[in-house]
Amino acid sequence: MIDVNREAELRRAVEALYFGYRAFTALPDAILAEYDLGRAHHRVLYFVQRERGISIGELTAVLAVTKQAVNRPIRDLEALGMLTIEADETDRRVRRLATTPRGAELEARLTGVQAELLADVFDGAGERAEAGWRAVIGRLAGM
């Protein structure tokens, strides 16, 4: 139950999160549109680049989605030459993902603009504000 005395400030927090996320995704969305791709493609590229050789099953666990949900972004990225899919050496049923140089370049561009935005915001807000933000967003993300 929401404390009625905090409802207005909590609503402002919801709005800040919404508008902050919109700002965080605006530049990557514009870059993705150049390739007719969306945010799901960015998430796949990000986590495959972060953990080269991740299996499709591991990726679905990280993203908390079904295999059906990642199938299209994976296939789209493979068709664009940004991702490779290979059978695991020890268990051929397991499919491992890796970015190609083209996929790694796009991921770096996408994540780079987001990292620059965060760096600017953190620099402007100060170290204590950044630490507070990390604590809040970490709890929200269950980290």
N, C-alpha and C. Protein backbone atom coordinates (compact mmCIF):
# COMPACT_ATOMS: atom_id res chain seq x y z
N MET A 1 0.84 -1.18 0.00
CA MET A 1 0.00 0.00 0.00
C MET A 1 0.88 1.24 0.00
N ILE A 2 0.57 2.17 -0.86
CA ILE A 2 1.33 3.40 -0.97
C ILE A 2 0.90 4.36 0.13
N ASP A 3 1.90 4.92 0.80
CA ASP A 3 1.66 5.95 1.81
C ASP A 3 1.08 7.17 1.10
N VAL A 4 -0.12 7.56 1.47
CA VAL A 4 -0.81 8.68 0.81
C VAL A 4 0.01 9.96 0.89
N ASN A 5 0.82 10.10 1.93
CA ASN A 5 1.65 11.30 2.08
C ASN A 5 2.83 11.31 1.10
N ARG A 6 3.15 10.16 0.52
CA ARG A 6 4.27 10.06 -0.42
C ARG A 6 3.82 9.87 -1.87
N GLU A 7 2.53 9.79 -2.08
CA GLU A 7 2.04 9.47 -3.42
C GLU A 7 2.53 10.45 -4.48
N ALA A 8 2.48 11.73 -4.22
CA ALA A 8 2.90 12.72 -5.22
C ALA A 8 4.39 12.58 -5.54
N GLU A 9 5.21 12.40 -4.52
CA GLU A 9 6.65 12.27 -4.79
C GLU A 9 6.97 10.95 -5.49
N LEU A 10 6.22 9.89 -5.17
CA LEU A 10 6.44 8.62 -5.85
C LEU A 10 6.01 8.71 -7.32
N ARG A 11 4.95 9.44 -7.58
CA ARG A 11 4.53 9.66 -8.97
C ARG A 11 5.59 10.44 -9.74
N ARG A 12 6.20 11.42 -9.08
CA ARG A 12 7.29 12.17 -9.72
C ARG A 12 8.47 11.25 -10.00
N ALA A 13 8.73 10.31 -9.10
CA ALA A 13 9.81 9.35 -9.31
C ALA A 13 9.50 8.44 -10.51
N VAL A 14 8.24 8.02 -10.62
CA VAL A 14 7.83 7.20 -11.77
C VAL A 14 8.04 7.99 -13.06
N GLU A 15 7.63 9.26 -13.05
CA GLU A 15 7.80 10.10 -14.23
C GLU A 15 9.28 10.31 -14.56
N ALA A 16 10.09 10.53 -13.54
CA ALA A 16 11.53 10.72 -13.76
C ALA A 16 12.14 9.47 -14.38
N LEU A 17 11.72 8.30 -13.90
CA LEU A 17 12.23 7.05 -14.47
C LEU A 17 11.79 6.92 -15.93
N TYR A 18 10.54 7.24 -16.19
CA TYR A 18 10.04 7.17 -17.57
C TYR A 18 10.82 8.11 -18.48
N PHE A 19 10.93 9.38 -18.09
CA PHE A 19 11.61 10.36 -18.94
C PHE A 19 13.11 10.09 -19.02
N GLY A 20 13.69 9.60 -17.94
CA GLY A 20 15.10 9.23 -17.96
C GLY A 20 15.36 8.08 -18.92
N TYR A 21 14.49 7.08 -18.89
CA TYR A 21 14.64 5.95 -19.80
C TYR A 21 14.47 6.39 -21.25
N ARG A 22 13.54 7.31 -21.48
CA ARG A 22 13.34 7.83 -22.83
C ARG A 22 14.61 8.53 -23.32
N ALA A 23 15.22 9.32 -22.46
CA ALA A 23 16.47 10.00 -22.84
C ALA A 23 17.60 8.99 -23.05
N PHE A 24 17.63 7.95 -22.22
CA PHE A 24 18.67 6.93 -22.29
C PHE A 24 18.60 6.12 -23.59
N THR A 25 17.39 5.94 -24.11
CA THR A 25 17.21 5.10 -25.30
C THR A 25 17.06 5.90 -26.60
N ALA A 26 16.93 7.21 -26.53
CA ALA A 26 16.65 8.02 -27.74
C ALA A 26 17.74 7.89 -28.80
N LEU A 27 18.98 8.12 -28.44
CA LEU A 27 20.07 8.04 -29.43
C LEU A 27 20.26 6.61 -29.95
N PRO A 28 20.30 5.60 -29.08
CA PRO A 28 20.40 4.24 -29.61
C PRO A 28 19.23 3.88 -30.53
N ASP A 29 18.01 4.32 -30.18
CA ASP A 29 16.86 4.04 -31.04
C ASP A 29 17.07 4.62 -32.44
N ALA A 30 17.61 5.83 -32.51
CA ALA A 30 17.85 6.47 -33.81
C ALA A 30 18.89 5.69 -34.61
N ILE A 31 19.93 5.23 -33.93
CA ILE A 31 20.97 4.43 -34.61
C ILE A 31 20.38 3.10 -35.08
N LEU A 32 19.62 2.45 -34.22
CA LEU A 32 19.00 1.17 -34.58
C LEU A 32 18.07 1.32 -35.77
N ALA A 33 17.37 2.44 -35.84
CA ALA A 33 16.43 2.67 -36.95
C ALA A 33 17.15 2.69 -38.30
N GLU A 34 18.42 3.08 -38.31
CA GLU A 34 19.20 3.07 -39.55
C GLU A 34 19.30 1.65 -40.13
N TYR A 35 19.16 0.65 -39.27
CA TYR A 35 19.28 -0.75 -39.67
C TYR A 35 17.93 -1.48 -39.64
N ASP A 36 16.86 -0.74 -39.37
CA ASP A 36 15.53 -1.34 -39.16
C ASP A 36 15.55 -2.34 -38.00
N LEU A 37 16.26 -1.98 -36.95
CA LEU A 37 16.36 -2.81 -35.75
C LEU A 37 15.73 -2.07 -34.57
N GLY A 38 15.49 -2.81 -33.49
CA GLY A 38 14.88 -2.24 -32.30
C GLY A 38 15.67 -2.56 -31.04
N ARG A 39 15.08 -2.21 -29.91
CA ARG A 39 15.75 -2.38 -28.62
C ARG A 39 16.08 -3.83 -28.30
N ALA A 40 15.25 -4.76 -28.74
CA ALA A 40 15.54 -6.18 -28.48
C ALA A 40 16.85 -6.58 -29.16
N HIS A 41 17.10 -6.04 -30.33
CA HIS A 41 18.35 -6.32 -31.04
C HIS A 41 19.54 -5.76 -30.25
N HIS A 42 19.36 -4.55 -29.70
CA HIS A 42 20.43 -3.94 -28.90
C HIS A 42 20.73 -4.79 -27.68
N ARG A 43 19.69 -5.25 -27.00
CA ARG A 43 19.91 -6.08 -25.81
C ARG A 43 20.67 -7.36 -26.17
N VAL A 44 20.28 -7.99 -27.27
CA VAL A 44 20.98 -9.21 -27.70
C VAL A 44 22.44 -8.89 -28.00
N LEU A 45 22.68 -7.85 -28.79
CA LEU A 45 24.07 -7.48 -29.11
C LEU A 45 24.87 -7.18 -27.86
N TYR A 46 24.27 -6.43 -26.94
CA TYR A 46 24.98 -6.03 -25.72
C TYR A 46 25.45 -7.25 -24.94
N PHE A 47 24.55 -8.18 -24.67
CA PHE A 47 24.91 -9.31 -23.82
C PHE A 47 25.76 -10.34 -24.56
N VAL A 48 25.59 -10.48 -25.87
CA VAL A 48 26.46 -11.39 -26.62
C VAL A 48 27.87 -10.80 -26.68
N GLN A 49 27.98 -9.50 -26.88
CA GLN A 49 29.30 -8.86 -26.90
C GLN A 49 29.96 -8.96 -25.53
N ARG A 50 29.18 -8.79 -24.48
CA ARG A 50 29.70 -8.84 -23.12
C ARG A 50 30.20 -10.24 -22.76
N GLU A 51 29.49 -11.25 -23.25
CA GLU A 51 29.87 -12.64 -22.94
C GLU A 51 29.90 -13.46 -24.23
N ARG A 52 30.96 -13.28 -24.96
CA ARG A 52 31.12 -13.98 -26.25
C ARG A 52 30.99 -15.49 -26.04
N GLY A 53 30.19 -16.12 -26.88
CA GLY A 53 29.98 -17.56 -26.76
C GLY A 53 28.82 -17.92 -25.86
N ILE A 54 28.05 -16.93 -25.42
CA ILE A 54 26.89 -17.20 -24.58
C ILE A 54 25.92 -18.10 -25.36
N SER A 55 25.30 -19.02 -24.66
CA SER A 55 24.34 -19.89 -25.34
C SER A 55 23.00 -19.16 -25.43
N ILE A 56 22.16 -19.62 -26.34
CA ILE A 56 20.83 -19.02 -26.46
C ILE A 56 20.07 -19.20 -25.15
N GLY A 57 20.21 -20.35 -24.51
CA GLY A 57 19.55 -20.58 -23.23
C GLY A 57 20.04 -19.63 -22.15
N GLU A 58 21.34 -19.41 -22.10
CA GLU A 58 21.90 -18.46 -21.12
C GLU A 58 21.42 -17.04 -21.40
N LEU A 59 21.34 -16.68 -22.67
CA LEU A 59 20.86 -15.35 -23.03
C LEU A 59 19.41 -15.16 -22.61
N THR A 60 18.57 -16.17 -22.83
CA THR A 60 17.17 -16.03 -22.43
C THR A 60 17.05 -15.87 -20.92
N ALA A 61 17.92 -16.54 -20.17
CA ALA A 61 17.90 -16.40 -18.71
C ALA A 61 18.30 -14.99 -18.28
N VAL A 62 19.34 -14.44 -18.90
CA VAL A 62 19.80 -13.09 -18.57
C VAL A 62 18.71 -12.07 -18.88
N LEU A 63 18.07 -12.22 -20.04
CA LEU A 63 17.05 -11.26 -20.46
C LEU A 63 15.68 -11.54 -19.86
N ALA A 64 15.52 -12.70 -19.23
CA ALA A 64 14.24 -13.12 -18.65
C ALA A 64 13.14 -13.13 -19.72
N VAL A 65 13.46 -13.77 -20.86
CA VAL A 65 12.50 -13.91 -21.95
C VAL A 65 12.53 -15.35 -22.45
N THR A 66 11.59 -15.68 -23.31
CA THR A 66 11.54 -17.03 -23.87
C THR A 66 12.46 -17.13 -25.09
N LYS A 67 12.73 -18.37 -25.48
CA LYS A 67 13.52 -18.58 -26.69
C LYS A 67 12.81 -17.99 -27.91
N GLN A 68 11.49 -18.08 -27.91
CA GLN A 68 10.73 -17.51 -29.02
C GLN A 68 10.93 -16.00 -29.10
N ALA A 69 11.05 -15.35 -27.95
CA ALA A 69 11.20 -13.89 -27.93
C ALA A 69 12.54 -13.43 -28.49
N VAL A 70 13.60 -14.23 -28.32
CA VAL A 70 14.91 -13.83 -28.84
C VAL A 70 15.19 -14.38 -30.23
N ASN A 71 14.34 -15.29 -30.69
CA ASN A 71 14.59 -15.92 -31.98
C ASN A 71 14.67 -14.89 -33.11
N ARG A 72 13.69 -14.01 -33.20
CA ARG A 72 13.68 -13.05 -34.31
C ARG A 72 14.88 -12.09 -34.25
N PRO A 73 15.16 -11.45 -33.09
CA PRO A 73 16.34 -10.58 -33.07
C PRO A 73 17.63 -11.32 -33.42
N ILE A 74 17.78 -12.55 -32.94
CA ILE A 74 18.98 -13.32 -33.26
C ILE A 74 19.05 -13.58 -34.76
N ARG A 75 17.96 -14.01 -35.35
CA ARG A 75 17.94 -14.30 -36.80
C ARG A 75 18.17 -13.03 -37.62
N ASP A 76 17.56 -11.92 -37.20
CA ASP A 76 17.77 -10.65 -37.91
C ASP A 76 19.24 -10.25 -37.89
N LEU A 77 19.85 -10.34 -36.72
CA LEU A 77 21.26 -9.95 -36.57
C LEU A 77 22.18 -10.89 -37.35
N GLU A 78 21.83 -12.17 -37.36
CA GLU A 78 22.61 -13.12 -38.15
C GLU A 78 22.49 -12.79 -39.64
N ALA A 79 21.29 -12.47 -40.10
CA ALA A 79 21.07 -12.15 -41.51
C ALA A 79 21.83 -10.89 -41.93
N LEU A 80 22.01 -9.96 -41.00
CA LEU A 80 22.75 -8.73 -41.28
C LEU A 80 24.26 -8.90 -41.12
N GLY A 81 24.69 -10.11 -40.78
CA GLY A 81 26.12 -10.37 -40.61
C GLY A 81 26.69 -9.77 -39.34
N MET A 82 25.86 -9.63 -38.32
CA MET A 82 26.30 -9.04 -37.06
C MET A 82 26.47 -10.07 -35.95
N LEU A 83 26.00 -11.27 -36.19
CA LEU A 83 25.99 -12.31 -35.17
C LEU A 83 26.24 -13.65 -35.83
N THR A 84 26.98 -14.51 -35.15
CA THR A 84 27.14 -15.89 -35.62
C THR A 84 26.50 -16.83 -34.61
N ILE A 85 26.01 -17.94 -35.12
CA ILE A 85 25.41 -18.99 -34.30
C ILE A 85 26.15 -20.27 -34.63
N GLU A 86 26.75 -20.88 -33.61
CA GLU A 86 27.49 -22.12 -33.83
C GLU A 86 27.12 -23.14 -32.77
N ALA A 87 27.19 -24.40 -33.14
CA ALA A 87 26.93 -25.48 -32.19
C ALA A 87 28.07 -25.54 -31.17
N ASP A 88 27.72 -25.85 -29.94
CA ASP A 88 28.71 -26.03 -28.88
C ASP A 88 29.59 -27.23 -29.23
N GLU A 89 30.86 -27.13 -28.90
CA GLU A 89 31.80 -28.21 -29.24
C GLU A 89 31.51 -29.51 -28.51
N THR A 90 31.01 -29.43 -27.28
CA THR A 90 30.77 -30.64 -26.49
C THR A 90 29.32 -31.11 -26.52
N ASP A 91 28.39 -30.21 -26.77
CA ASP A 91 26.97 -30.56 -26.83
C ASP A 91 26.37 -29.86 -28.05
N ARG A 92 26.25 -30.57 -29.14
CA ARG A 92 25.82 -29.99 -30.41
C ARG A 92 24.40 -29.42 -30.36
N ARG A 93 23.63 -29.78 -29.34
CA ARG A 93 22.27 -29.23 -29.22
C ARG A 93 22.29 -27.78 -28.75
N VAL A 94 23.37 -27.39 -28.08
CA VAL A 94 23.51 -26.04 -27.55
C VAL A 94 24.06 -25.13 -28.64
N ARG A 95 23.41 -23.99 -28.83
CA ARG A 95 23.85 -23.00 -29.82
C ARG A 95 24.52 -21.84 -29.12
N ARG A 96 25.72 -21.51 -29.57
CA ARG A 96 26.51 -20.42 -28.99
C ARG A 96 26.50 -19.22 -29.93
N LEU A 97 26.45 -18.04 -29.33
CA LEU A 97 26.36 -16.79 -30.09
C LEU A 97 27.63 -15.98 -29.94
N ALA A 98 27.99 -15.29 -31.00
CA ALA A 98 29.13 -14.37 -30.96
C ALA A 98 28.84 -13.23 -31.93
N THR A 99 29.33 -12.05 -31.58
CA THR A 99 29.20 -10.93 -32.51
C THR A 99 30.30 -11.02 -33.55
N THR A 100 29.99 -10.57 -34.73
CA THR A 100 30.99 -10.41 -35.79
C THR A 100 31.62 -9.02 -35.59
N PRO A 101 32.67 -8.70 -36.32
CA PRO A 101 33.20 -7.34 -36.22
C PRO A 101 32.14 -6.27 -36.49
N ARG A 102 31.27 -6.53 -37.45
CA ARG A 102 30.19 -5.57 -37.76
C ARG A 102 29.23 -5.43 -36.57
N GLY A 103 28.87 -6.55 -35.95
CA GLY A 103 27.98 -6.51 -34.79
C GLY A 103 28.64 -5.84 -33.60
N ALA A 104 29.92 -6.13 -33.39
CA ALA A 104 30.66 -5.51 -32.29
C ALA A 104 30.75 -4.00 -32.48
N GLU A 105 30.92 -3.57 -33.73
CA GLU A 105 30.99 -2.14 -34.03
C GLU A 105 29.66 -1.45 -33.72
N LEU A 106 28.55 -2.06 -34.12
CA LEU A 106 27.24 -1.47 -33.82
C LEU A 106 26.99 -1.45 -32.32
N GLU A 107 27.30 -2.54 -31.65
CA GLU A 107 27.10 -2.58 -30.19
C GLU A 107 27.92 -1.50 -29.51
N ALA A 108 29.15 -1.30 -29.93
CA ALA A 108 30.00 -0.27 -29.33
C ALA A 108 29.42 1.12 -29.56
N ARG A 109 28.88 1.34 -30.73
CA ARG A 109 28.23 2.63 -31.03
C ARG A 109 27.03 2.86 -30.13
N LEU A 110 26.18 1.85 -30.03
CA LEU A 110 24.95 1.96 -29.24
C LEU A 110 25.25 2.16 -27.76
N THR A 111 26.09 1.30 -27.22
CA THR A 111 26.41 1.38 -25.80
C THR A 111 27.28 2.59 -25.51
N GLY A 112 28.09 2.98 -26.48
CA GLY A 112 28.94 4.15 -26.31
C GLY A 112 28.15 5.43 -26.07
N VAL A 113 27.08 5.64 -26.86
CA VAL A 113 26.30 6.86 -26.65
C VAL A 113 25.59 6.83 -25.30
N GLN A 114 25.20 5.65 -24.85
CA GLN A 114 24.57 5.55 -23.53
C GLN A 114 25.58 5.79 -22.42
N ALA A 115 26.79 5.25 -22.57
CA ALA A 115 27.83 5.46 -21.56
C ALA A 115 28.22 6.93 -21.49
N GLU A 116 28.30 7.59 -22.64
CA GLU A 116 28.62 9.03 -22.65
C GLU A 116 27.53 9.83 -21.94
N LEU A 117 26.28 9.49 -22.18
CA LEU A 117 25.18 10.18 -21.52
C LEU A 117 25.27 10.00 -20.01
N LEU A 118 25.48 8.76 -19.56
CA LEU A 118 25.60 8.50 -18.13
C LEU A 118 26.79 9.24 -17.54
N ALA A 119 27.91 9.25 -18.23
CA ALA A 119 29.10 9.96 -17.74
C ALA A 119 28.80 11.44 -17.55
N ASP A 120 28.12 12.05 -18.53
CA ASP A 120 27.77 13.47 -18.42
C ASP A 120 26.83 13.72 -17.25
N VAL A 121 25.82 12.87 -17.11
CA VAL A 121 24.86 13.03 -16.03
C VAL A 121 25.54 12.84 -14.67
N PHE A 122 26.35 11.80 -14.55
CA PHE A 122 27.05 11.55 -13.29
C PHE A 122 28.01 12.68 -12.96
N ASP A 123 28.73 13.18 -13.95
CA ASP A 123 29.65 14.30 -13.71
C ASP A 123 28.89 15.52 -13.20
N GLY A 124 27.72 15.78 -13.77
CA GLY A 124 26.93 16.93 -13.35
C GLY A 124 26.28 16.76 -11.99
N ALA A 125 25.95 15.53 -11.64
CA ALA A 125 25.24 15.27 -10.38
C ALA A 125 26.19 15.10 -9.20
N GLY A 126 27.40 14.65 -9.45
CA GLY A 126 28.37 14.44 -8.38
C GLY A 126 28.43 12.99 -7.92
N GLU A 127 29.52 12.69 -7.21
CA GLU A 127 29.79 11.31 -6.79
C GLU A 127 28.73 10.75 -5.85
N ARG A 128 28.27 11.56 -4.90
CA ARG A 128 27.26 11.06 -3.95
C ARG A 128 25.95 10.74 -4.67
N ALA A 129 25.56 11.60 -5.60
CA ALA A 129 24.34 11.35 -6.35
C ALA A 129 24.48 10.09 -7.20
N GLU A 130 25.65 9.91 -7.81
CA GLU A 130 25.89 8.71 -8.61
C GLU A 130 25.81 7.46 -7.74
N ALA A 131 26.42 7.51 -6.57
CA ALA A 131 26.37 6.36 -5.66
C ALA A 131 24.94 6.07 -5.25
N GLY A 132 24.17 7.11 -4.97
CA GLY A 132 22.76 6.93 -4.61
C GLY A 132 21.96 6.33 -5.76
N TRP A 133 22.21 6.82 -6.96
CA TRP A 133 21.51 6.29 -8.13
C TRP A 133 21.85 4.82 -8.33
N ARG A 134 23.14 4.49 -8.21
CA ARG A 134 23.55 3.08 -8.37
C ARG A 134 22.87 2.19 -7.33
N ALA A 135 22.75 2.68 -6.10
CA ALA A 135 22.09 1.91 -5.05
C ALA A 135 20.62 1.69 -5.38
N VAL A 136 19.94 2.73 -5.82
CA VAL A 136 18.51 2.63 -6.13
C VAL A 136 18.28 1.74 -7.34
N ILE A 137 19.00 1.99 -8.43
CA ILE A 137 18.78 1.22 -9.65
C ILE A 137 19.21 -0.24 -9.44
N GLY A 138 20.24 -0.45 -8.63
CA GLY A 138 20.67 -1.81 -8.31
C GLY A 138 19.59 -2.58 -7.57
N ARG A 139 18.95 -1.92 -6.62
CA ARG A 139 17.85 -2.58 -5.89
C ARG A 139 16.68 -2.84 -6.81
N LEU A 140 16.38 -1.87 -7.66
CA LEU A 140 15.28 -2.02 -8.60
C LEU A 140 15.54 -3.20 -9.55
N ALA A 141 16.79 -3.36 -9.96
CA ALA A 141 17.17 -4.44 -10.88
C ALA A 141 17.39 -5.78 -10.16
N GLY A 142 17.34 -5.77 -8.83
CA GLY A 142 17.56 -7.00 -8.08
C GLY A 142 19.01 -7.42 -8.05
N MET A 143 19.91 -6.45 -8.12
CA MET A 143 21.35 -6.75 -8.14
C MET A 143 21.97 -6.58 -6.77
